[in-house]
Structure formats: C-alpha cells, structure tokens
Amino acid sequence: MRSLAACLSAVVLLLGLTGCSAYDPPIRGDHNSDRYKADLEACRTSSRETVRLRNADTPTTWIMSPFTGPPAVRAAIRACMTQKGYVVEKTGG
C-alpha cells in the first residue's frame, strides 16, 4: 500500500512540474524581440498567480490543481498575450 501511495505521489509531482515548464504560445511575430520577451514574462507571472489563487480557493480545486492548473495557465497566458495585441496562431486540427 505504501508503494502505491509513493507512486501516486510521484505521478502527481511530475504532472505538477511538467506544468511549470516555460510555455511559449503560438504567436505570430518575432519571439526574440525584447518587447515580446518582457510581455511574455509578465503574462506568465500574472497567469500563474491568478490560476494558483483560483485553485487554492477550495479543497477540491486544490486537489485537482496538478491536473487542471497547467492547461489553465497556458490558456491564461494566451489570453493575456492576445490582450497585449499579439495574434495567436491556430494549431492542430
């Protein structure tokens, strides 16, 4: 039983860490410009904090946050970059 708990803890930790990797949304334009980098970092910071506070709201959202948090942060970053005037490219199907 202990090995199952350790295994589940490791999976949750890995999922959480995967969501912490730097996300660069599919934006048209120069990804190497100083303005883009500054805007992206500002959006990353504000989006992570917004989602973190929303997930800390109730025990249920906190427990589900390793699964729901990373997609929510990526969506918030895309929305933030769109508000700053960047055009998000469509990807996939």
PDB file of N, CA and C in Angstrom:
ATOM      1  N   MET A   1       0.828  -1.195   0.000  1.00  0.00           N
ATOM      2  CA  MET A   1       0.000   0.000   0.000  1.00  0.00           C
ATOM      3  C   MET A   1       0.870   1.255   0.000  1.00  0.00           C
ATOM      4  N   ARG A   2       1.987   1.179   0.709  1.00  0.00           N
ATOM      5  CA  ARG A   2       2.878   2.327   0.748  1.00  0.00           C
ATOM      6  C   ARG A   2       3.482   2.617  -0.615  1.00  0.00           C
ATOM      7  N   SER A   3       3.811   1.582  -1.357  1.00  0.00           N
ATOM      8  CA  SER A   3       4.405   1.788  -2.675  1.00  0.00           C
ATOM      9  C   SER A   3       3.393   2.426  -3.629  1.00  0.00           C
ATOM     10  N   LEU A   4       2.115   2.093  -3.480  1.00  0.00           N
ATOM     11  CA  LEU A   4       1.085   2.707  -4.306  1.00  0.00           C
ATOM     12  C   LEU A   4       0.976   4.195  -3.992  1.00  0.00           C
ATOM     13  N   ALA A   5       0.984   4.538  -2.722  1.00  0.00           N
ATOM     14  CA  ALA A   5       0.913   5.947  -2.328  1.00  0.00           C
ATOM     15  C   ALA A   5       2.135   6.708  -2.828  1.00  0.00           C
ATOM     16  N   ALA A   6       3.312   6.100  -2.727  1.00  0.00           N
ATOM     17  CA  ALA A   6       4.532   6.745  -3.216  1.00  0.00           C
ATOM     18  C   ALA A   6       4.484   6.922  -4.721  1.00  0.00           C
ATOM     19  N   CYS A   7       3.983   5.933  -5.418  1.00  0.00           N
ATOM     20  CA  CYS A   7       3.871   6.003  -6.874  1.00  0.00           C
ATOM     21  C   CYS A   7       2.894   7.106  -7.290  1.00  0.00           C
ATOM     22  N   LEU A   8       1.748   7.177  -6.640  1.00  0.00           N
ATOM     23  CA  LEU A   8       0.771   8.212  -6.956  1.00  0.00           C
ATOM     24  C   LEU A   8       1.316   9.599  -6.638  1.00  0.00           C
ATOM     25  N   SER A   9       2.042   9.713  -5.540  1.00  0.00           N
ATOM     26  CA  SER A   9       2.649  10.998  -5.191  1.00  0.00           C
ATOM     27  C   SER A   9       3.661  11.427  -6.238  1.00  0.00           C
ATOM     28  N   ALA A  10       4.440  10.481  -6.725  1.00  0.00           N
ATOM     29  CA  ALA A  10       5.435  10.789  -7.756  1.00  0.00           C
ATOM     30  C   ALA A  10       4.764  11.231  -9.046  1.00  0.00           C
ATOM     31  N   VAL A  11       3.672  10.584  -9.418  1.00  0.00           N
ATOM     32  CA  VAL A  11       2.957  10.947 -10.642  1.00  0.00           C
ATOM     33  C   VAL A  11       2.384  12.356 -10.527  1.00  0.00           C
ATOM     34  N   VAL A  12       1.777  12.666  -9.407  1.00  0.00           N
ATOM     35  CA  VAL A  12       1.206  13.996  -9.191  1.00  0.00           C
ATOM     36  C   VAL A  12       2.312  15.051  -9.216  1.00  0.00           C
ATOM     37  N   LEU A  13       3.429  14.760  -8.580  1.00  0.00           N
ATOM     38  CA  LEU A  13       4.556  15.694  -8.563  1.00  0.00           C
ATOM     39  C   LEU A  13       5.085  15.928  -9.975  1.00  0.00           C
ATOM     40  N   LEU A  14       5.246  14.873 -10.737  1.00  0.00           N
ATOM     41  CA  LEU A  14       5.742  15.014 -12.109  1.00  0.00           C
ATOM     42  C   LEU A  14       4.772  15.801 -12.983  1.00  0.00           C
ATOM     43  N   LEU A  15       3.484  15.561 -12.823  1.00  0.00           N
ATOM     44  CA  LEU A  15       2.491  16.321 -13.577  1.00  0.00           C
ATOM     45  C   LEU A  15       2.549  17.797 -13.207  1.00  0.00           C
ATOM     46  N   GLY A  16       2.716  18.072 -11.938  1.00  0.00           N
ATOM     47  CA  GLY A  16       2.822  19.459 -11.495  1.00  0.00           C
ATOM     48  C   GLY A  16       4.062  20.133 -12.034  1.00  0.00           C
ATOM     49  N   LEU A  17       5.183  19.432 -12.028  1.00  0.00           N
ATOM     50  CA  LEU A  17       6.424  20.010 -12.528  1.00  0.00           C
ATOM     51  C   LEU A  17       6.386  20.208 -14.033  1.00  0.00           C
ATOM     52  N   THR A  18       5.717  19.317 -14.733  1.00  0.00           N
ATOM     53  CA  THR A  18       5.582  19.457 -16.178  1.00  0.00           C
ATOM     54  C   THR A  18       4.831  20.737 -16.511  1.00  0.00           C
ATOM     55  N   GLY A  19       3.844  21.063 -15.718  1.00  0.00           N
ATOM     56  CA  GLY A  19       3.083  22.284 -15.947  1.00  0.00           C
ATOM     57  C   GLY A  19       3.857  23.545 -15.641  1.00  0.00           C
ATOM     58  N   CYS A  20       4.968  23.436 -14.925  1.00  0.00           N
ATOM     59  CA  CYS A  20       5.774  24.592 -14.572  1.00  0.00           C
ATOM     60  C   CYS A  20       6.793  24.945 -15.644  1.00  0.00           C
ATOM     61  N   SER A  21       6.910  24.127 -16.658  1.00  0.00           N
ATOM     62  CA  SER A  21       7.889  24.431 -17.697  1.00  0.00           C
ATOM     63  C   SER A  21       7.471  25.693 -18.439  1.00  0.00           C
ATOM     64  N   ALA A  22       8.446  26.378 -19.010  1.00  0.00           N
ATOM     65  CA  ALA A  22       8.181  27.638 -19.690  1.00  0.00           C
ATOM     66  C   ALA A  22       7.318  27.396 -20.925  1.00  0.00           C
ATOM     67  N   TYR A  23       6.211  28.085 -20.993  1.00  0.00           N
ATOM     68  CA  TYR A  23       5.279  27.948 -22.111  1.00  0.00           C
ATOM     69  C   TYR A  23       5.444  29.149 -23.033  1.00  0.00           C
ATOM     70  N   ASP A  24       5.633  28.895 -24.300  1.00  0.00           N
ATOM     71  CA  ASP A  24       5.736  29.929 -25.318  1.00  0.00           C
ATOM     72  C   ASP A  24       4.575  29.716 -26.283  1.00  0.00           C
ATOM     73  N   PRO A  25       3.534  30.549 -26.184  1.00  0.00           N
ATOM     74  CA  PRO A  25       2.343  30.320 -27.002  1.00  0.00           C
ATOM     75  C   PRO A  25       2.627  30.510 -28.488  1.00  0.00           C
ATOM     76  N   PRO A  26       1.803  29.886 -29.327  1.00  0.00           N
ATOM     77  CA  PRO A  26       1.987  30.024 -30.778  1.00  0.00           C
ATOM     78  C   PRO A  26       1.533  31.408 -31.255  1.00  0.00           C
ATOM     79  N   ILE A  27       2.426  32.369 -31.166  1.00  0.00           N
ATOM     80  CA  ILE A  27       2.135  33.757 -31.510  1.00  0.00           C
ATOM     81  C   ILE A  27       2.841  34.103 -32.817  1.00  0.00           C
ATOM     82  N   ARG A  28       2.161  34.856 -33.678  1.00  0.00           N
ATOM     83  CA  ARG A  28       2.816  35.362 -34.888  1.00  0.00           C
ATOM     84  C   ARG A  28       3.779  36.465 -34.493  1.00  0.00           C
ATOM     85  N   GLY A  29       4.920  36.507 -35.156  1.00  0.00           N
ATOM     86  CA  GLY A  29       5.862  37.593 -34.907  1.00  0.00           C
ATOM     87  C   GLY A  29       7.194  37.095 -34.392  1.00  0.00           C
ATOM     88  N   ASP A  30       8.021  38.042 -34.020  1.00  0.00           N
ATOM     89  CA  ASP A  30       9.386  37.774 -33.574  1.00  0.00           C
ATOM     90  C   ASP A  30       9.398  37.384 -32.099  1.00  0.00           C
ATOM     91  N   HIS A  31       9.722  36.136 -31.831  1.00  0.00           N
ATOM     92  CA  HIS A  31       9.768  35.649 -30.454  1.00  0.00           C
ATOM     93  C   HIS A  31      11.056  36.058 -29.742  1.00  0.00           C
ATOM     94  N   ASN A  32      11.987  36.663 -30.467  1.00  0.00           N
ATOM     95  CA  ASN A  32      13.264  37.051 -29.870  1.00  0.00           C
ATOM     96  C   ASN A  32      13.350  38.526 -29.530  1.00  0.00           C
ATOM     97  N   SER A  33      12.315  39.293 -29.829  1.00  0.00           N
ATOM     98  CA  SER A  33      12.369  40.727 -29.527  1.00  0.00           C
ATOM     99  C   SER A  33      12.255  40.949 -28.017  1.00  0.00           C
ATOM    100  N   ASP A  34      12.848  42.036 -27.561  1.00  0.00           N
ATOM    101  CA  ASP A  34      12.821  42.354 -26.125  1.00  0.00           C
ATOM    102  C   ASP A  34      11.402  42.625 -25.642  1.00  0.00           C
ATOM    103  N   ARG A  35      10.602  43.293 -26.467  1.00  0.00           N
ATOM    104  CA  ARG A  35       9.220  43.595 -26.082  1.00  0.00           C
ATOM    105  C   ARG A  35       8.421  42.304 -25.891  1.00  0.00           C
ATOM    106  N   TYR A  36       8.573  41.369 -26.838  1.00  0.00           N
ATOM    107  CA  TYR A  36       7.856  40.094 -26.745  1.00  0.00           C
ATOM    108  C   TYR A  36       8.270  39.342 -25.483  1.00  0.00           C
ATOM    109  N   LYS A  37       9.564  39.279 -25.235  1.00  0.00           N
ATOM    110  CA  LYS A  37      10.056  38.554 -24.056  1.00  0.00           C
ATOM    111  C   LYS A  37       9.527  39.177 -22.767  1.00  0.00           C
ATOM    112  N   ALA A  38       9.516  40.505 -22.696  1.00  0.00           N
ATOM    113  CA  ALA A  38       9.008  41.178 -21.494  1.00  0.00           C
ATOM    114  C   ALA A  38       7.511  40.932 -21.322  1.00  0.00           C
ATOM    115  N   ASP A  39       6.758  41.048 -22.424  1.00  0.00           N
ATOM    116  CA  ASP A  39       5.313  40.807 -22.356  1.00  0.00           C
ATOM    117  C   ASP A  39       5.013  39.364 -21.960  1.00  0.00           C
ATOM    118  N   LEU A  40       5.758  38.420 -22.536  1.00  0.00           N
ATOM    119  CA  LEU A  40       5.541  37.006 -22.229  1.00  0.00           C
ATOM    120  C   LEU A  40       5.838  36.717 -20.764  1.00  0.00           C
ATOM    121  N   GLU A  41       6.923  37.260 -20.244  1.00  0.00           N
ATOM    122  CA  GLU A  41       7.267  37.021 -18.837  1.00  0.00           C
ATOM    123  C   GLU A  41       6.215  37.629 -17.909  1.00  0.00           C
ATOM    124  N   ALA A  42       5.729  38.821 -18.250  1.00  0.00           N
ATOM    125  CA  ALA A  42       4.666  39.449 -17.442  1.00  0.00           C
ATOM    126  C   ALA A  42       3.400  38.600 -17.474  1.00  0.00           C
ATOM    127  N   CYS A  43       3.054  38.072 -18.645  1.00  0.00           N
ATOM    128  CA  CYS A  43       1.861  37.223 -18.758  1.00  0.00           C
ATOM    129  C   CYS A  43       2.042  35.906 -18.016  1.00  0.00           C
ATOM    130  N   ARG A  44       3.230  35.325 -18.090  1.00  0.00           N
ATOM    131  CA  ARG A  44       3.492  34.079 -17.357  1.00  0.00           C
ATOM    132  C   ARG A  44       3.305  34.286 -15.862  1.00  0.00           C
ATOM    133  N   THR A  45       3.891  35.364 -15.345  1.00  0.00           N
ATOM    134  CA  THR A  45       3.826  35.636 -13.905  1.00  0.00           C
ATOM    135  C   THR A  45       2.395  35.879 -13.447  1.00  0.00           C
ATOM    136  N   SER A  46       1.684  36.756 -14.153  1.00  0.00           N
ATOM    137  CA  SER A  46       0.316  37.076 -13.728  1.00  0.00           C
ATOM    138  C   SER A  46      -0.619  35.877 -13.896  1.00  0.00           C
ATOM    139  N   SER A  47      -0.432  35.110 -14.957  1.00  0.00           N
ATOM    140  CA  SER A  47      -1.306  33.953 -15.208  1.00  0.00           C
ATOM    141  C   SER A  47      -1.099  32.863 -14.169  1.00  0.00           C
ATOM    142  N   ARG A  48       0.165  32.573 -13.851  1.00  0.00           N
ATOM    143  CA  ARG A  48       0.446  31.558 -12.827  1.00  0.00           C
ATOM    144  C   ARG A  48      -0.176  31.952 -11.498  1.00  0.00           C
ATOM    145  N   GLU A  49      -0.036  33.233 -11.132  1.00  0.00           N
ATOM    146  CA  GLU A  49      -0.560  33.684  -9.843  1.00  0.00           C
ATOM    147  C   GLU A  49      -2.083  33.645  -9.824  1.00  0.00           C
ATOM    148  N   THR A  50      -2.705  34.067 -10.910  1.00  0.00           N
ATOM    149  CA  THR A  50      -4.170  34.048 -10.992  1.00  0.00           C
ATOM    150  C   THR A  50      -4.714  32.631 -10.862  1.00  0.00           C
ATOM    151  N   VAL A  51      -4.130  31.706 -11.589  1.00  0.00           N
ATOM    152  CA  VAL A  51      -4.586  30.313 -11.545  1.00  0.00           C
ATOM    153  C   VAL A  51      -4.286  29.700 -10.184  1.00  0.00           C
ATOM    154  N   ARG A  52      -3.127  30.020  -9.608  1.00  0.00           N
ATOM    155  CA  ARG A  52      -2.776  29.488  -8.289  1.00  0.00           C
ATOM    156  C   ARG A  52      -3.801  29.928  -7.241  1.00  0.00           C
ATOM    157  N   LEU A  53      -4.170  31.195  -7.264  1.00  0.00           N
ATOM    158  CA  LEU A  53      -5.149  31.696  -6.295  1.00  0.00           C
ATOM    159  C   LEU A  53      -6.522  31.067  -6.519  1.00  0.00           C
ATOM    160  N   ARG A  54      -6.904  30.884  -7.781  1.00  0.00           N
ATOM    161  CA  ARG A  54      -8.193  30.252  -8.084  1.00  0.00           C
ATOM    162  C   ARG A  54      -8.198  28.798  -7.605  1.00  0.00           C
ATOM    163  N   ASN A  55      -7.072  28.096  -7.797  1.00  0.00           N
ATOM    164  CA  ASN A  55      -7.003  26.692  -7.378  1.00  0.00           C
ATOM    165  C   ASN A  55      -6.940  26.548  -5.864  1.00  0.00           C
ATOM    166  N   ALA A  56      -6.460  27.552  -5.168  1.00  0.00           N
ATOM    167  CA  ALA A  56      -6.372  27.493  -3.708  1.00  0.00           C
ATOM    168  C   ALA A  56      -7.694  27.860  -3.045  1.00  0.00           C
ATOM    169  N   ASP A  57      -8.698  28.173  -3.834  1.00  0.00           N
ATOM    170  CA  ASP A  57      -9.977  28.638  -3.319  1.00  0.00           C
ATOM    171  C   ASP A  57     -10.702  27.590  -2.475  1.00  0.00           C
ATOM    172  N   THR A  58     -10.740  26.352  -2.934  1.00  0.00           N
ATOM    173  CA  THR A  58     -11.429  25.291  -2.192  1.00  0.00           C
ATOM    174  C   THR A  58     -10.545  24.046  -2.146  1.00  0.00           C
ATOM    175  N   PRO A  59     -10.793  23.141  -1.218  1.00  0.00           N
ATOM    176  CA  PRO A  59     -10.000  21.910  -1.176  1.00  0.00           C
ATOM    177  C   PRO A  59     -10.108  21.087  -2.469  1.00  0.00           C
ATOM    178  N   THR A  60     -11.271  21.083  -3.079  1.00  0.00           N
ATOM    179  CA  THR A  60     -11.448  20.302  -4.305  1.00  0.00           C
ATOM    180  C   THR A  60     -10.598  20.855  -5.437  1.00  0.00           C
ATOM    181  N   THR A  61     -10.622  22.177  -5.632  1.00  0.00           N
ATOM    182  CA  THR A  61      -9.816  22.753  -6.713  1.00  0.00           C
ATOM    183  C   THR A  61      -8.329  22.608  -6.409  1.00  0.00           C
ATOM    184  N   TRP A  62      -7.962  22.658  -5.134  1.00  0.00           N
ATOM    185  CA  TRP A  62      -6.551  22.487  -4.770  1.00  0.00           C
ATOM    186  C   TRP A  62      -6.082  21.064  -5.082  1.00  0.00           C
ATOM    187  N   ILE A  63      -6.911  20.080  -4.775  1.00  0.00           N
ATOM    188  CA  ILE A  63      -6.554  18.680  -5.035  1.00  0.00           C
ATOM    189  C   ILE A  63      -6.446  18.428  -6.538  1.00  0.00           C
ATOM    190  N   MET A  64      -7.303  19.035  -7.320  1.00  0.00           N
ATOM    191  CA  MET A  64      -7.310  18.829  -8.772  1.00  0.00           C
ATOM    192  C   MET A  64      -6.286  19.705  -9.504  1.00  0.00           C
ATOM    193  N   SER A  65      -5.656  20.646  -8.804  1.00  0.00           N
ATOM    194  CA  SER A  65      -4.780  21.620  -9.461  1.00  0.00           C
ATOM    195  C   SER A  65      -3.612  21.026 -10.253  1.00  0.00           C
ATOM    196  N   PRO A  66      -3.004  19.908  -9.854  1.00  0.00           N
ATOM    197  CA  PRO A  66      -1.947  19.368 -10.714  1.00  0.00           C
ATOM    198  C   PRO A  66      -2.447  18.950 -12.095  1.00  0.00           C
ATOM    199  N   PHE A  67      -3.732  18.671 -12.204  1.00  0.00           N
ATOM    200  CA  PHE A  67      -4.304  18.242 -13.476  1.00  0.00           C
ATOM    201  C   PHE A  67      -4.922  19.408 -14.244  1.00  0.00           C
ATOM    202  N   THR A  68      -5.591  20.304 -13.535  1.00  0.00           N
ATOM    203  CA  THR A  68      -6.292  21.404 -14.191  1.00  0.00           C
ATOM    204  C   THR A  68      -5.448  22.668 -14.293  1.00  0.00           C
ATOM    205  N   GLY A  69      -4.453  22.799 -13.441  1.00  0.00           N
ATOM    206  CA  GLY A  69      -3.648  24.022 -13.400  1.00  0.00           C
ATOM    207  C   GLY A  69      -2.850  24.317 -14.656  1.00  0.00           C
ATOM    208  N   PRO A  70      -2.013  23.381 -15.124  1.00  0.00           N
ATOM    209  CA  PRO A  70      -1.188  23.691 -16.303  1.00  0.00           C
ATOM    210  C   PRO A  70      -1.988  24.105 -17.546  1.00  0.00           C
ATOM    211  N   PRO A  71      -3.074  23.410 -17.913  1.00  0.00           N
ATOM    212  CA  PRO A  71      -3.843  23.884 -19.067  1.00  0.00           C
ATOM    213  C   PRO A  71      -4.469  25.263 -18.823  1.00  0.00           C
ATOM    214  N   ALA A  72      -4.888  25.508 -17.580  1.00  0.00           N
ATOM    215  CA  ALA A  72      -5.489  26.807 -17.258  1.00  0.00           C
ATOM    216  C   ALA A  72      -4.448  27.925 -17.350  1.00  0.00           C
ATOM    217  N   VAL A  73      -3.221  27.652 -16.916  1.00  0.00           N
ATOM    218  CA  VAL A  73      -2.154  28.652 -17.006  1.00  0.00           C
ATOM    219  C   VAL A  73      -1.838  28.946 -18.472  1.00  0.00           C
ATOM    220  N   ARG A  74      -1.725  27.907 -19.296  1.00  0.00           N
ATOM    221  CA  ARG A  74      -1.445  28.118 -20.714  1.00  0.00           C
ATOM    222  C   ARG A  74      -2.553  28.932 -21.381  1.00  0.00           C
ATOM    223  N   ALA A  75      -3.803  28.639 -21.061  1.00  0.00           N
ATOM    224  CA  ALA A  75      -4.922  29.396 -21.628  1.00  0.00           C
ATOM    225  C   ALA A  75      -4.887  30.851 -21.163  1.00  0.00           C
ATOM    226  N   ALA A  76      -4.543  31.063 -19.905  1.00  0.00           N
ATOM    227  CA  ALA A  76      -4.464  32.426 -19.375  1.00  0.00           C
ATOM    228  C   ALA A  76      -3.315  33.198 -20.030  1.00  0.00           C
ATOM    229  N   ILE A  77      -2.205  32.538 -20.305  1.00  0.00           N
ATOM    230  CA  ILE A  77      -1.082  33.189 -20.985  1.00  0.00           C
ATOM    231  C   ILE A  77      -1.501  33.595 -22.392  1.00  0.00           C
ATOM    232  N   ARG A  78      -2.177  32.691 -23.104  1.00  0.00           N
ATOM    233  CA  ARG A  78      -2.651  33.028 -24.452  1.00  0.00           C
ATOM    234  C   ARG A  78      -3.604  34.222 -24.412  1.00  0.00           C
ATOM    235  N   ALA A  79      -4.522  34.231 -23.452  1.00  0.00           N
ATOM    236  CA  ALA A  79      -5.480  35.335 -23.333  1.00  0.00           C
ATOM    237  C   ALA A  79      -4.761  36.645 -23.009  1.00  0.00           C
ATOM    238  N   CYS A  80      -3.791  36.589 -22.128  1.00  0.00           N
ATOM    239  CA  CYS A  80      -3.027  37.778 -21.756  1.00  0.00           C
ATOM    240  C   CYS A  80      -2.261  38.330 -22.956  1.00  0.00           C
ATOM    241  N   MET A  81      -1.626  37.441 -23.718  1.00  0.00           N
ATOM    242  CA  MET A  81      -0.866  37.882 -24.884  1.00  0.00           C
ATOM    243  C   MET A  81      -1.798  38.473 -25.947  1.00  0.00           C
ATOM    244  N   THR A  82      -3.001  37.922 -26.078  1.00  0.00           N
ATOM    245  CA  THR A  82      -3.983  38.461 -27.015  1.00  0.00           C
ATOM    246  C   THR A  82      -4.402  39.869 -26.589  1.00  0.00           C
ATOM    247  N   GLN A  83      -4.594  40.063 -25.277  1.00  0.00           N
ATOM    248  CA  GLN A  83      -4.952  41.384 -24.755  1.00  0.00           C
ATOM    249  C   GLN A  83      -3.848  42.405 -25.008  1.00  0.00           C
ATOM    250  N   LYS A  84      -2.611  41.947 -25.086  1.00  0.00           N
ATOM    251  CA  LYS A  84      -1.487  42.850 -25.348  1.00  0.00           C
ATOM    252  C   LYS A  84      -1.325  43.128 -26.840  1.00  0.00           C
ATOM    253  N   GLY A  85      -2.188  42.530 -27.673  1.00  0.00           N
ATOM    254  CA  GLY A  85      -2.177  42.827 -29.094  1.00  0.00           C
ATOM    255  C   GLY A  85      -1.517  41.790 -29.981  1.00  0.00           C
ATOM    256  N   TYR A  86      -1.078  40.682 -29.408  1.00  0.00           N
ATOM    257  CA  TYR A  86      -0.452  39.623 -30.206  1.00  0.00           C
ATOM    258  C   TYR A  86      -1.536  38.742 -30.821  1.00  0.00           C
ATOM    259  N   VAL A  87      -1.223  38.143 -31.954  1.00  0.00           N
ATOM    260  CA  VAL A  87      -2.165  37.274 -32.657  1.00  0.00           C
ATOM    261  C   VAL A  87      -1.749  35.823 -32.424  1.00  0.00           C
ATOM    262  N   VAL A  88      -2.638  35.066 -31.801  1.00  0.00           N
ATOM    263  CA  VAL A  88      -2.365  33.659 -31.523  1.00  0.00           C
ATOM    264  C   VAL A  88      -2.689  32.846 -32.769  1.00  0.00           C
ATOM    265  N   GLU A  89      -1.729  32.038 -33.200  1.00  0.00           N
ATOM    266  CA  GLU A  89      -1.934  31.190 -34.369  1.00  0.00           C
ATOM    267  C   GLU A  89      -2.735  29.959 -33.989  1.00  0.00           C
ATOM    268  N   LYS A  90      -3.509  29.472 -34.912  1.00  0.00           N
ATOM    269  CA  LYS A  90      -4.242  28.218 -34.707  1.00  0.00           C
ATOM    270  C   LYS A  90      -3.296  27.058 -34.910  1.00  0.00           C
ATOM    271  N   THR A  91      -3.354  26.077 -34.023  1.00  0.00           N
ATOM    272  CA  THR A  91      -2.508  24.881 -34.158  1.00  0.00           C
ATOM    273  C   THR A  91      -3.390  23.648 -34.141  1.00  0.00           C
ATOM    274  N   GLY A  92      -2.879  22.585 -34.682  1.00  0.00           N
ATOM    275  CA  GLY A  92      -3.607  21.304 -34.651  1.00  0.00           C
ATOM    276  C   GLY A  92      -4.843  21.333 -35.530  1.00  0.00           C
ATOM    277  N   GLY A  93      -5.762  20.398 -35.198  1.00  0.00           N
ATOM    278  CA  GLY A  93      -6.958  20.224 -36.011  1.00  0.00           C
ATOM    279  C   GLY A  93      -8.010  21.106 -35.605  1.00  0.00           C
TER     280      GLY A  93
END
